C-alpha atoms as a PDB file:
ATOM      1  CA  UNK A   1     -54.532 -80.303  67.905  1.00  0.00           C
ATOM      2  CA  UNK A   2     -53.147 -80.986  71.459  1.00  0.00           C
ATOM      3  CA  UNK A   3     -50.461 -82.662  70.207  1.00  0.00           C
ATOM      4  CA  UNK A   4     -48.860 -80.167  67.890  1.00  0.00           C
ATOM      5  CA  UNK A   5     -49.640 -77.642  70.874  1.00  0.00           C
ATOM      6  CA  UNK A   6     -47.513 -79.792  73.513  1.00  0.00           C
ATOM      7  CA  UNK A   7     -44.382 -80.157  70.422  1.00  0.00           C
ATOM      8  CA  UNK A   8     -44.560 -76.196  70.205  1.00  0.00           C
ATOM      9  CA  UNK A   9     -44.420 -75.720  73.654  1.00  0.00           C
ATOM     10  CA  UNK A  10     -41.617 -77.727  74.054  1.00  0.00           C
ATOM     11  CA  UNK A  11     -39.670 -76.404  71.093  1.00  0.00           C
ATOM     12  CA  UNK A  12     -36.281 -74.362  71.575  1.00  0.00           C
ATOM     13  CA  UNK A  13     -37.802 -70.821  70.892  1.00  0.00           C
ATOM     14  CA  UNK A  14     -40.905 -71.250  72.987  1.00  0.00           C
ATOM     15  CA  UNK A  15     -38.818 -72.018  75.648  1.00  0.00           C
ATOM     16  CA  UNK A  16     -36.468 -69.280  75.562  1.00  0.00           C
ATOM     17  CA  UNK A  17     -39.413 -66.837  75.600  1.00  0.00           C
ATOM     18  CA  UNK A  18     -40.734 -68.744  78.555  1.00  0.00           C
ATOM     19  CA  UNK A  19     -37.329 -68.277  80.259  1.00  0.00           C
ATOM     20  CA  UNK A  20     -37.266 -64.566  79.421  1.00  0.00           C
ATOM     21  CA  UNK A  21     -40.510 -63.912  80.842  1.00  0.00           C
ATOM     22  CA  UNK A  22     -39.925 -65.550  83.910  1.00  0.00           C
ATOM     23  CA  UNK A  23     -36.887 -63.390  84.443  1.00  0.00           C
ATOM     24  CA  UNK A  24     -38.774 -60.577  83.801  1.00  0.00           C
ATOM     25  CA  UNK A  25     -41.351 -61.449  86.566  1.00  0.00           C
ATOM     26  CA  UNK A  26     -38.055 -62.532  88.924  1.00  0.00           C
ATOM     27  CA  UNK A  27     -36.976 -58.963  88.624  1.00  0.00           C
ATOM     28  CA  UNK A  28     -38.247 -56.661  92.120  1.00  0.00           C
ATOM     29  CA  UNK A  29     -40.312 -53.667  91.354  1.00  0.00           C
ATOM     30  CA  UNK A  30     -37.804 -50.271  91.303  1.00  0.00           C
ATOM     31  CA  UNK A  31     -38.779 -48.833  94.890  1.00  0.00           C
ATOM     32  CA  UNK A  32     -40.422 -45.584  94.545  1.00  0.00           C
ATOM     33  CA  UNK A  33     -37.310 -44.384  96.656  1.00  0.00           C
ATOM     34  CA  UNK A  34     -34.986 -44.671  94.281  1.00  0.00           C
ATOM     35  CA  UNK A  35     -37.265 -43.783  91.407  1.00  0.00           C
ATOM     36  CA  UNK A  36     -37.475 -40.469  93.331  1.00  0.00           C
ATOM     37  CA  UNK A  37     -33.830 -39.977  93.569  1.00  0.00           C
ATOM     38  CA  UNK A  38     -33.236 -40.463  89.998  1.00  0.00           C
ATOM     39  CA  UNK A  39     -35.166 -37.843  89.530  1.00  0.00           C
ATOM     40  CA  UNK A  40     -34.237 -35.324  92.068  1.00  0.00           C
ATOM     41  CA  UNK A  41     -30.801 -35.946  90.116  1.00  0.00           C
ATOM     42  CA  UNK A  42     -31.907 -35.120  87.272  1.00  0.00           C
ATOM     43  CA  UNK A  43     -33.661 -32.602  88.234  1.00  0.00           C
ATOM     44  CA  UNK A  44     -30.534 -30.972  90.490  1.00  0.00           C
ATOM     45  CA  UNK A  45     -28.346 -31.174  87.036  1.00  0.00           C
ATOM     46  CA  UNK A  46     -30.888 -29.316  85.661  1.00  0.00           C
ATOM     47  CA  UNK A  47     -30.659 -26.311  87.483  1.00  0.00           C
ATOM     48  CA  UNK A  48     -26.745 -26.565  87.487  1.00  0.00           C
ATOM     49  CA  UNK A  49     -26.759 -26.591  83.989  1.00  0.00           C
ATOM     50  CA  UNK A  50     -28.920 -23.822  83.993  1.00  0.00           C
ATOM     51  CA  UNK A  51     -27.196 -21.894  86.512  1.00  0.00           C
ATOM     52  CA  UNK A  52     -23.897 -22.248  84.770  1.00  0.00           C
ATOM     53  CA  UNK A  53     -25.534 -20.485  81.907  1.00  0.00           C
ATOM     54  CA  UNK A  54     -26.717 -17.980  83.307  1.00  0.00           C
ATOM     55  CA  UNK A  55     -23.438 -16.840  84.811  1.00  0.00           C
ATOM     56  CA  UNK A  56     -21.768 -17.569  81.293  1.00  0.00           C
ATOM     57  CA  UNK A  57     -24.224 -14.874  80.077  1.00  0.00           C
ATOM     58  CA  UNK A  58     -23.856 -12.418  83.022  1.00  0.00           C
ATOM     59  CA  UNK A  59     -19.731 -13.069  82.286  1.00  0.00           C
ATOM     60  CA  UNK A  60     -20.256 -11.615  78.517  1.00  0.00           C
ATOM     61  CA  UNK A  61     -22.144  -8.966  79.313  1.00  0.00           C
ATOM     62  CA  UNK A  62     -19.145  -6.570  79.954  1.00  0.00           C
ATOM     63  CA  UNK A  63     -17.821  -6.306  76.726  1.00  0.00           C
ATOM     64  CA  UNK A  64     -15.192  -3.495  77.477  1.00  0.00           C
ATOM     65  CA  UNK A  65     -13.377  -6.769  78.989  1.00  0.00           C
ATOM     66  CA  UNK A  66     -13.650  -8.898  76.006  1.00  0.00           C
ATOM     67  CA  UNK A  67     -10.790  -8.913  73.648  1.00  0.00           C
ATOM     68  CA  UNK A  68     -11.325 -10.123  70.346  1.00  0.00           C
ATOM     69  CA  UNK A  69      -9.420 -11.501  67.277  1.00  0.00           C
ATOM     70  CA  UNK A  70     -11.056 -11.710  63.343  1.00  0.00           C
ATOM     71  CA  UNK A  71      -9.162 -13.515  60.883  1.00  0.00           C
ATOM     72  CA  UNK A  72      -9.903 -11.849  57.522  1.00  0.00           C
ATOM     73  CA  UNK A  73     -11.480  -8.686  59.215  1.00  0.00           C
ATOM     74  CA  UNK A  74     -10.931  -5.977  56.794  1.00  0.00           C
ATOM     75  CA  UNK A  75     -13.469  -6.744  54.592  1.00  0.00           C
ATOM     76  CA  UNK A  76     -16.745  -8.649  54.134  1.00  0.00           C
ATOM     77  CA  UNK A  77     -17.998 -10.827  56.256  1.00  0.00           C
ATOM     78  CA  UNK A  78     -15.016  -9.630  59.167  1.00  0.00           C
ATOM     79  CA  UNK A  79     -15.563  -6.227  59.190  1.00  0.00           C
ATOM     80  CA  UNK A  80     -19.274  -6.545  59.731  1.00  0.00           C
ATOM     81  CA  UNK A  81     -18.003  -8.532  62.443  1.00  0.00           C
ATOM     82  CA  UNK A  82     -15.527  -6.450  63.901  1.00  0.00           C
ATOM     83  CA  UNK A  83     -18.016  -2.939  63.262  1.00  0.00           C
ATOM     84  CA  UNK A  84     -20.387  -4.725  65.697  1.00  0.00           C
ATOM     85  CA  UNK A  85     -17.923  -6.235  68.284  1.00  0.00           C
ATOM     86  CA  UNK A  86     -16.580  -2.699  68.396  1.00  0.00           C
ATOM     87  CA  UNK A  87     -20.239  -1.332  68.615  1.00  0.00           C
ATOM     88  CA  UNK A  88     -20.704  -3.494  71.781  1.00  0.00           C
ATOM     89  CA  UNK A  89     -17.499  -2.197  73.189  1.00  0.00           C
ATOM     90  CA  UNK A  90     -15.460  -4.678  72.299  1.00  0.00           C
ATOM     91  CA  UNK A  91     -11.586  -4.467  71.665  1.00  0.00           C
ATOM     92  CA  UNK A  92     -10.840  -5.977  68.440  1.00  0.00           C
ATOM     93  CA  UNK A  93      -7.242  -7.035  66.818  1.00  0.00           C
ATOM     94  CA  UNK A  94      -7.895  -7.580  63.176  1.00  0.00           C
ATOM     95  CA  UNK A  95      -5.085 -10.502  61.304  1.00  0.00           C
ATOM     96  CA  UNK A  96      -5.427 -10.227  57.921  1.00  0.00           C
ATOM     97  CA  UNK A  97      -3.050  -9.333  54.648  1.00  0.00           C
ATOM     98  CA  UNK A  98      -5.279  -6.333  53.270  1.00  0.00           C
ATOM     99  CA  UNK A  99      -5.353  -3.084  55.867  1.00  0.00           C
ATOM    100  CA  UNK A 100      -8.945  -2.255  57.208  1.00  0.00           C
ATOM    101  CA  UNK A 101     -10.934   0.931  55.263  1.00  0.00           C
ATOM    102  CA  UNK A 102      -9.747   3.583  58.126  1.00  0.00           C
ATOM    103  CA  UNK A 103      -7.785   3.451  61.287  1.00  0.00           C
ATOM    104  CA  UNK A 104     -10.184   3.499  64.235  1.00  0.00           C
ATOM    105  CA  UNK A 105     -10.413   3.672  67.825  1.00  0.00           C
ATOM    106  CA  UNK A 106     -10.550   0.486  69.997  1.00  0.00           C
ATOM    107  CA  UNK A 107      -8.810  -1.560  67.018  1.00  0.00           C
ATOM    108  CA  UNK A 108      -5.709  -2.865  66.376  1.00  0.00           C
ATOM    109  CA  UNK A 109      -4.705  -4.126  62.846  1.00  0.00           C
ATOM    110  CA  UNK A 110      -1.815  -6.938  62.471  1.00  0.00           C
ATOM    111  CA  UNK A 111      -0.673  -6.930  59.082  1.00  0.00           C
ATOM    112  CA  UNK A 112      -0.678 -11.158  58.992  1.00  0.00           C
ATOM    113  CA  UNK A 113      -0.169 -14.352  56.373  1.00  0.00           C
ATOM    114  CA  UNK A 114      -2.785 -16.827  58.540  1.00  0.00           C
ATOM    115  CA  UNK A 115      -1.694 -19.424  56.637  1.00  0.00           C
ATOM    116  CA  UNK A 116       2.157 -18.833  57.899  1.00  0.00           C
ATOM    117  CA  UNK A 117       2.000 -20.435  61.943  1.00  0.00           C
ATOM    118  CA  UNK A 118       5.152 -18.580  63.094  1.00  0.00           C
ATOM    119  CA  UNK A 119       3.696 -15.130  61.425  1.00  0.00           C
ATOM    120  CA  UNK A 120       0.600 -15.228  63.638  1.00  0.00           C
ATOM    121  CA  UNK A 121       2.348 -16.932  66.652  1.00  0.00           C
ATOM    122  CA  UNK A 122       4.248 -13.620  66.746  1.00  0.00           C
ATOM    123  CA  UNK A 123       1.210 -11.567  67.011  1.00  0.00           C
ATOM    124  CA  UNK A 124       0.464 -12.643  70.483  1.00  0.00           C
ATOM    125  CA  UNK A 125       2.965 -10.611  71.814  1.00  0.00           C
ATOM    126  CA  UNK A 126       1.571  -7.583  70.291  1.00  0.00           C
ATOM    127  CA  UNK A 127      -1.800  -8.666  71.190  1.00  0.00           C
ATOM    128  CA  UNK A 128      -1.339  -8.658  74.919  1.00  0.00           C
ATOM    129  CA  UNK A 129       0.687  -5.883  74.898  1.00  0.00           C
ATOM    130  CA  UNK A 130      -2.106  -3.472  73.627  1.00  0.00           C
ATOM    131  CA  UNK A 131      -5.096  -5.246  74.895  1.00  0.00           C
ATOM    132  CA  UNK A 132      -4.032  -8.019  77.242  1.00  0.00           C
ATOM    133  CA  UNK A 133      -5.268 -12.015  76.280  1.00  0.00           C
ATOM    134  CA  UNK A 134      -7.721 -12.503  73.860  1.00  0.00           C
ATOM    135  CA  UNK A 135     -11.014 -14.131  75.282  1.00  0.00           C
ATOM    136  CA  UNK A 136     -13.045 -14.428  71.402  1.00  0.00           C
ATOM    137  CA  UNK A 137     -11.517 -15.692  68.092  1.00  0.00           C
ATOM    138  CA  UNK A 138     -13.957 -15.885  65.123  1.00  0.00           C
ATOM    139  CA  UNK A 139     -11.977 -17.684  62.204  1.00  0.00           C
ATOM    140  CA  UNK A 140     -12.998 -15.592  59.829  1.00  0.00           C
ATOM    141  CA  UNK A 141     -10.461 -15.759  56.738  1.00  0.00           C
ATOM    142  CA  UNK A 142     -11.471 -17.379  53.765  1.00  0.00           C
ATOM    143  CA  UNK A 143     -10.942 -17.991  50.114  1.00  0.00           C
ATOM    144  CA  UNK A 144     -12.690 -19.480  46.909  1.00  0.00           C
ATOM    145  CA  UNK A 145     -12.783 -19.882  43.221  1.00  0.00           C
ATOM    146  CA  UNK A 146     -15.258 -21.544  41.117  1.00  0.00           C
ATOM    147  CA  UNK A 147     -14.512 -22.335  37.560  1.00  0.00           C
ATOM    148  CA  UNK A 148     -11.837 -25.097  36.834  1.00  0.00           C
ATOM    149  CA  UNK A 149     -12.850 -28.706  37.086  1.00  0.00           C
ATOM    150  CA  UNK A 150     -10.615 -30.535  40.023  1.00  0.00           C
ATOM    151  CA  UNK A 151      -8.631 -32.219  37.658  1.00  0.00           C
ATOM    152  CA  UNK A 152      -7.779 -28.622  35.767  1.00  0.00           C
ATOM    153  CA  UNK A 153      -7.129 -26.764  39.028  1.00  0.00           C
ATOM    154  CA  UNK A 154      -3.987 -25.321  39.956  1.00  0.00           C
ATOM    155  CA  UNK A 155      -1.876 -27.091  42.528  1.00  0.00           C
ATOM    156  CA  UNK A 156      -1.237 -23.408  43.600  1.00  0.00           C
ATOM    157  CA  UNK A 157      -5.105 -22.746  43.970  1.00  0.00           C
ATOM    158  CA  UNK A 158      -5.868 -26.382  45.960  1.00  0.00           C
ATOM    159  CA  UNK A 159      -3.131 -25.640  48.527  1.00  0.00           C
ATOM    160  CA  UNK A 160      -4.104 -21.824  48.749  1.00  0.00           C
ATOM    161  CA  UNK A 161      -7.821 -22.821  49.658  1.00  0.00           C
ATOM    162  CA  UNK A 162      -7.281 -25.631  52.257  1.00  0.00           C
ATOM    163  CA  UNK A 163      -4.452 -23.163  53.759  1.00  0.00           C
ATOM    164  CA  UNK A 164      -6.461 -20.389  54.097  1.00  0.00           C
ATOM    165  CA  UNK A 165      -9.727 -21.960  54.845  1.00  0.00           C
ATOM    166  CA  UNK A 166      -8.185 -24.590  57.062  1.00  0.00           C
ATOM    167  CA  UNK A 167      -4.830 -24.607  58.432  1.00  0.00           C
ATOM    168  CA  UNK A 168      -4.945 -20.920  59.464  1.00  0.00           C
ATOM    169  CA  UNK A 169      -7.620 -22.138  61.965  1.00  0.00           C
ATOM    170  CA  UNK A 170      -5.240 -24.455  63.409  1.00  0.00           C
ATOM    171  CA  UNK A 171      -2.701 -21.864  63.459  1.00  0.00           C
ATOM    172  CA  UNK A 172      -4.831 -19.320  65.437  1.00  0.00           C
ATOM    173  CA  UNK A 173      -6.520 -21.800  68.335  1.00  0.00           C
ATOM    174  CA  UNK A 174      -2.995 -23.067  69.012  1.00  0.00           C
ATOM    175  CA  UNK A 175      -2.158 -19.489  69.498  1.00  0.00           C
ATOM    176  CA  UNK A 176      -4.671 -18.012  71.180  1.00  0.00           C
ATOM    177  CA  UNK A 177      -7.162 -20.906  73.118  1.00  0.00           C
ATOM    178  CA  UNK A 178      -4.727 -20.915  76.133  1.00  0.00           C
ATOM    179  CA  UNK A 179      -5.202 -17.867  76.708  1.00  0.00           C
ATOM    180  CA  UNK A 180      -8.813 -18.801  77.022  1.00  0.00           C
ATOM    181  CA  UNK A 181      -8.141 -21.925  78.882  1.00  0.00           C
ATOM    182  CA  UNK A 182      -6.191 -20.129  81.500  1.00  0.00           C
ATOM    183  CA  UNK A 183      -9.325 -17.924  82.399  1.00  0.00           C
ATOM    184  CA  UNK A 184     -11.491 -20.668  81.645  1.00  0.00           C
ATOM    185  CA  UNK A 185     -13.366 -18.151  79.473  1.00  0.00           C
ATOM    186  CA  UNK A 186     -13.216 -17.454  75.732  1.00  0.00           C
ATOM    187  CA  UNK A 187     -15.555 -18.168  72.741  1.00  0.00           C
ATOM    188  CA  UNK A 188     -14.107 -19.591  69.411  1.00  0.00           C
ATOM    189  CA  UNK A 189     -16.217 -18.433  66.649  1.00  0.00           C
ATOM    190  CA  UNK A 190     -15.814 -20.628  63.526  1.00  0.00           C
ATOM    191  CA  UNK A 191     -17.193 -19.183  59.938  1.00  0.00           C
ATOM    192  CA  UNK A 192     -17.526 -22.295  57.786  1.00  0.00           C
ATOM    193  CA  UNK A 193     -20.367 -22.689  54.924  1.00  0.00           C
ATOM    194  CA  UNK A 194     -23.218 -24.341  53.687  1.00  0.00           C
ATOM    195  CA  UNK A 195     -20.488 -26.267  51.227  1.00  0.00           C
ATOM    196  CA  UNK A 196     -19.714 -27.755  54.449  1.00  0.00           C
ATOM    197  CA  UNK A 197     -22.284 -30.393  53.736  1.00  0.00           C
ATOM    198  CA  UNK A 198     -23.083 -29.974  49.943  1.00  0.00           C
ATOM    199  CA  UNK A 199     -20.019 -30.503  47.073  1.00  0.00           C
ATOM    200  CA  UNK A 200     -20.438 -28.165  44.580  1.00  0.00           C
ATOM    201  CA  UNK A 201     -18.291 -29.302  41.046  1.00  0.00           C
ATOM    202  CA  UNK A 202     -15.771 -27.070  40.154  1.00  0.00           C
ATOM    203  CA  UNK A 203     -15.465 -25.940  43.612  1.00  0.00           C
ATOM    204  CA  UNK A 204     -14.394 -29.321  45.338  1.00  0.00           C
ATOM    205  CA  UNK A 205     -11.389 -27.658  47.081  1.00  0.00           C
ATOM    206  CA  UNK A 206     -13.592 -24.684  48.891  1.00  0.00           C
ATOM    207  CA  UNK A 207     -15.888 -27.637  50.127  1.00  0.00           C
ATOM    208  CA  UNK A 208     -13.541 -29.854  51.447  1.00  0.00           C
ATOM    209  CA  UNK A 209     -12.071 -26.990  53.486  1.00  0.00           C
ATOM    210  CA  UNK A 210     -15.061 -26.723  55.004  1.00  0.00           C
ATOM    211  CA  UNK A 211     -16.191 -29.914  55.702  1.00  0.00           C
ATOM    212  CA  UNK A 212     -12.406 -29.876  57.248  1.00  0.00           C
ATOM    213  CA  UNK A 213     -13.265 -26.694  59.012  1.00  0.00           C
ATOM    214  CA  UNK A 214     -16.690 -28.480  60.676  1.00  0.00           C
ATOM    215  CA  UNK A 215     -14.693 -31.629  61.506  1.00  0.00           C
ATOM    216  CA  UNK A 216     -11.870 -29.331  63.479  1.00  0.00           C
ATOM    217  CA  UNK A 217     -14.411 -27.410  65.421  1.00  0.00           C
ATOM    218  CA  UNK A 218     -16.400 -30.905  66.197  1.00  0.00           C
ATOM    219  CA  UNK A 219     -12.881 -32.459  67.822  1.00  0.00           C
ATOM    220  CA  UNK A 220     -11.851 -29.355  69.519  1.00  0.00           C
ATOM    221  CA  UNK A 221     -15.036 -29.166  71.473  1.00  0.00           C
ATOM    222  CA  UNK A 222     -14.767 -32.686  72.521  1.00  0.00           C
ATOM    223  CA  UNK A 223     -10.985 -31.682  73.671  1.00  0.00           C
ATOM    224  CA  UNK A 224     -12.302 -28.870  75.534  1.00  0.00           C
ATOM    225  CA  UNK A 225     -14.871 -30.843  77.094  1.00  0.00           C
ATOM    226  CA  UNK A 226     -13.095 -33.829  77.445  1.00  0.00           C
ATOM    227  CA  UNK A 227      -9.390 -33.151  77.893  1.00  0.00           C
ATOM    228  CA  UNK A 228      -8.919 -29.123  79.006  1.00  0.00           C
ATOM    229  CA  UNK A 229     -12.622 -29.742  80.910  1.00  0.00           C
ATOM    230  CA  UNK A 230     -13.207 -25.821  80.761  1.00  0.00           C
ATOM    231  CA  UNK A 231     -16.999 -25.407  81.052  1.00  0.00           C
ATOM    232  CA  UNK A 232     -16.441 -21.616  80.626  1.00  0.00           C
ATOM    233  CA  UNK A 233     -14.577 -21.761  76.852  1.00  0.00           C
ATOM    234  CA  UNK A 234     -17.454 -21.935  74.550  1.00  0.00           C
ATOM    235  CA  UNK A 235     -17.445 -22.714  70.766  1.00  0.00           C
ATOM    236  CA  UNK A 236     -19.842 -22.197  67.933  1.00  0.00           C
ATOM    237  CA  UNK A 237     -19.524 -23.072  63.837  1.00  0.00           C
ATOM    238  CA  UNK A 238     -21.352 -20.852  61.573  1.00  0.00           C
ATOM    239  CA  UNK A 239     -23.126 -22.260  58.204  1.00  0.00           C
ATOM    240  CA  UNK A 240     -24.360 -19.440  55.544  1.00  0.00           C
ATOM    241  CA  UNK A 241     -25.543 -20.177  52.521  1.00  0.00           C
ATOM    242  CA  UNK A 242     -24.505 -17.767  49.551  1.00  0.00           C
ATOM    243  CA  UNK A 243     -23.169 -14.221  50.937  1.00  0.00           C
ATOM    244  CA  UNK A 244     -23.245 -11.840  48.301  1.00  0.00           C
ATOM    245  CA  UNK A 245     -19.911 -10.469  47.434  1.00  0.00           C
ATOM    246  CA  UNK A 246     -18.021  -8.908  44.382  1.00  0.00           C
ATOM    247  CA  UNK A 247     -17.393 -12.835  43.494  1.00  0.00           C
ATOM    248  CA  UNK A 248     -21.128 -13.794  43.476  1.00  0.00           C
ATOM    249  CA  UNK A 249     -22.165 -10.531  41.728  1.00  0.00           C
ATOM    250  CA  UNK A 250     -19.700 -11.908  38.610  1.00  0.00           C
ATOM    251  CA  UNK A 251     -21.053 -15.334  39.345  1.00  0.00           C
ATOM    252  CA  UNK A 252     -24.643 -14.662  39.311  1.00  0.00           C
ATOM    253  CA  UNK A 253     -25.433 -10.872  38.275  1.00  0.00           C
ATOM    254  CA  UNK A 254     -26.208  -8.487  40.679  1.00  0.00           C
ATOM    255  CA  UNK A 255     -30.201  -9.499  40.504  1.00  0.00           C
ATOM    256  CA  UNK A 256     -29.595 -12.845  41.739  1.00  0.00           C
ATOM    257  CA  UNK A 257     -26.674 -11.451  44.567  1.00  0.00           C
ATOM    258  CA  UNK A 258     -29.065  -9.365  45.515  1.00  0.00           C
ATOM    259  CA  UNK A 259     -30.902 -12.336  46.884  1.00  0.00           C
ATOM    260  CA  UNK A 260     -28.085 -13.417  48.835  1.00  0.00           C
ATOM    261  CA  UNK A 261     -27.027 -13.014  52.421  1.00  0.00           C
ATOM    262  CA  UNK A 262     -25.574  -9.543  52.934  1.00  0.00           C
ATOM    263  CA  UNK A 263     -22.237  -9.809  55.345  1.00  0.00           C
ATOM    264  CA  UNK A 264     -24.021  -8.048  57.828  1.00  0.00           C
ATOM    265  CA  UNK A 265     -26.508 -10.366  58.452  1.00  0.00           C
ATOM    266  CA  UNK A 266     -24.203 -13.217  58.680  1.00  0.00           C
ATOM    267  CA  UNK A 267     -22.141 -10.956  61.218  1.00  0.00           C
ATOM    268  CA  UNK A 268     -25.618 -10.037  63.109  1.00  0.00           C
ATOM    269  CA  UNK A 269     -25.734 -14.071  63.757  1.00  0.00           C
ATOM    270  CA  UNK A 270     -22.039 -14.361  64.670  1.00  0.00           C
ATOM    271  CA  UNK A 271     -22.440 -12.134  67.676  1.00  0.00           C
ATOM    272  CA  UNK A 272     -25.469 -12.357  68.330  1.00  0.00           C
ATOM    273  CA  UNK A 273     -24.867 -16.551  69.566  1.00  0.00           C
ATOM    274  CA  UNK A 274     -21.633 -14.476  71.570  1.00  0.00           C
ATOM    275  CA  UNK A 275     -23.969 -12.906  73.156  1.00  0.00           C
ATOM    276  CA  UNK A 276     -26.136 -15.279  74.142  1.00  0.00           C
ATOM    277  CA  UNK A 277     -23.067 -16.665  76.210  1.00  0.00           C
ATOM    278  CA  UNK A 278     -23.344 -20.614  74.782  1.00  0.00           C
ATOM    279  CA  UNK A 279     -21.637 -22.999  72.154  1.00  0.00           C
ATOM    280  CA  UNK A 280     -24.066 -23.695  69.413  1.00  0.00           C
ATOM    281  CA  UNK A 281     -24.576 -23.720  65.374  1.00  0.00           C
ATOM    282  CA  UNK A 282     -25.481 -20.796  63.579  1.00  0.00           C
ATOM    283  CA  UNK A 283     -27.628 -21.650  60.670  1.00  0.00           C
ATOM    284  CA  UNK A 284     -28.420 -18.878  57.547  1.00  0.00           C
ATOM    285  CA  UNK A 285     -30.415 -19.086  56.635  1.00  0.00           C
ATOM    286  CA  UNK A 286     -32.471 -21.201  58.260  1.00  0.00           C
ATOM    287  CA  UNK A 287     -33.666 -23.895  55.757  1.00  0.00           C
ATOM    288  CA  UNK A 288     -29.459 -24.609  55.682  1.00  0.00           C
ATOM    289  CA  UNK A 289     -30.082 -26.919  58.775  1.00  0.00           C
ATOM    290  CA  UNK A 290     -31.657 -29.209  57.058  1.00  0.00           C
ATOM    291  CA  UNK A 291     -28.463 -30.260  54.636  1.00  0.00           C
ATOM    292  CA  UNK A 292     -26.487 -32.017  57.595  1.00  0.00           C
ATOM    293  CA  UNK A 293     -29.320 -34.774  57.353  1.00  0.00           C
ATOM    294  CA  UNK A 294     -28.606 -35.250  54.005  1.00  0.00           C
ATOM    295  CA  UNK A 295     -26.161 -37.927  54.749  1.00  0.00           C
ATOM    296  CA  UNK A 296     -29.014 -39.963  56.534  1.00  0.00           C
ATOM    297  CA  UNK A 297     -31.046 -40.810  53.238  1.00  0.00           C
ATOM    298  CA  UNK A 298     -29.955 -43.711  51.003  1.00  0.00           C
ATOM    299  CA  UNK A 299     -27.002 -43.113  48.942  1.00  0.00           C
ATOM    300  CA  UNK A 300     -29.183 -43.099  45.606  1.00  0.00           C
ATOM    301  CA  UNK A 301     -31.631 -40.588  47.451  1.00  0.00           C
ATOM    302  CA  UNK A 302     -28.464 -38.347  48.334  1.00  0.00           C
ATOM    303  CA  UNK A 303     -26.931 -38.338  45.082  1.00  0.00           C
ATOM    304  CA  UNK A 304     -30.345 -37.521  43.590  1.00  0.00           C
ATOM    305  CA  UNK A 305     -31.198 -34.291  45.986  1.00  0.00           C
ATOM    306  CA  UNK A 306     -27.286 -33.178  45.339  1.00  0.00           C
ATOM    307  CA  UNK A 307     -27.040 -33.289  41.913  1.00  0.00           C
ATOM    308  CA  UNK A 308     -30.369 -31.065  41.726  1.00  0.00           C
ATOM    309  CA  UNK A 309     -29.100 -28.989  44.297  1.00  0.00           C
ATOM    310  CA  UNK A 310     -25.909 -28.816  41.702  1.00  0.00           C
ATOM    311  CA  UNK A 311     -27.692 -27.946  38.621  1.00  0.00           C
ATOM    312  CA  UNK A 312     -29.896 -25.265  40.139  1.00  0.00           C
ATOM    313  CA  UNK A 313     -27.005 -23.610  40.905  1.00  0.00           C
ATOM    314  CA  UNK A 314     -25.290 -24.044  37.163  1.00  0.00           C
ATOM    315  CA  UNK A 315     -28.771 -22.785  36.132  1.00  0.00           C
ATOM    316  CA  UNK A 316     -28.683 -19.497  38.390  1.00  0.00           C
ATOM    317  CA  UNK A 317     -25.647 -18.410  37.176  1.00  0.00           C
ATOM    318  CA  UNK A 318     -25.000 -15.761  34.484  1.00  0.00           C
ATOM    319  CA  UNK A 319     -25.810 -17.716  30.841  1.00  0.00           C
ATOM    320  CA  UNK A 320     -22.058 -16.796  29.907  1.00  0.00           C
ATOM    321  CA  UNK A 321     -20.815 -18.773  32.876  1.00  0.00           C
ATOM    322  CA  UNK A 322     -23.369 -20.960  32.849  1.00  0.00           C
ATOM    323  CA  UNK A 323     -22.504 -22.379  29.237  1.00  0.00           C
ATOM    324  CA  UNK A 324     -18.795 -22.628  30.354  1.00  0.00           C
ATOM    325  CA  UNK A 325     -19.817 -24.554  33.150  1.00  0.00           C
ATOM    326  CA  UNK A 326     -21.900 -27.209  30.497  1.00  0.00           C
ATOM    327  CA  UNK A 327     -18.846 -27.764  28.658  1.00  0.00           C
ATOM    328  CA  UNK A 328     -16.657 -31.359  29.881  1.00  0.00           C
ATOM    329  CA  UNK A 329     -13.713 -30.461  30.729  1.00  0.00           C
ATOM    330  CA  UNK A 330     -10.642 -31.627  29.343  1.00  0.00           C
ATOM    331  CA  UNK A 331      -7.957 -33.962  31.166  1.00  0.00           C
END
């Protein structure tokens, strides 16, 4: 037995372990003063961060100084965002092809094709003339159509979805972000979707556009922090689940669609986040927050969950539409 123990003690693995233990023993204990310094530095950074946040919140409480641009602000979620911003005293610019229901004091409507970069650029002079530099940008314009499979969808539909849902945000941010960077004050709010994380059949283009919006938001946030170094310029992304619109009434029927979020509920979440004066992510309803974690599961588990969720959506459709969706598409 002693021979075996002797051989083990001289083996390479045991000697390597003994060498590591010796190095650990040789390390000098961390002086108490150094530990206190580290803790004090951490506490100072925490206090400073909270102080900056308090200053940011205080700055946003003067709503009369806020100039907000809302794309797609003539109807739906955008219309409700406009109303809530106006109720707080902000001056609002609507960029939309569709005119709002009626003129409103403190609201400037500019008929604009947000997929056209030059057209968006031309609105900047009018915004500055009427209200001044922009402090809030709500990228809300969006389109979506369910029905045709990806192969059967027209190229025009695919292009329009990406241009309205994603490229329009490129155009508006390039146009209005410099106002915010100059003032070191601003908030870019992007309306994405639960579809950023969950891809549904017959609506692949929509899901792709919303996933792109999420990636754009994250990249923009990092550029503002690391390149422009403007802590006063905030970014928020909003991920609502189904929102009741004429399209959802058509797809699911009025009774089922009643269970969905209303445009006003989404707008309340958007404006509440702006009111906090912080960057963030808003998930509506709260359970949507679990969807980003799908990608952390093994591939087979992901597939099972995604297919189950997609089948659940199809099961809620109107019977005649459900039968149409169940048909195998041609190619």
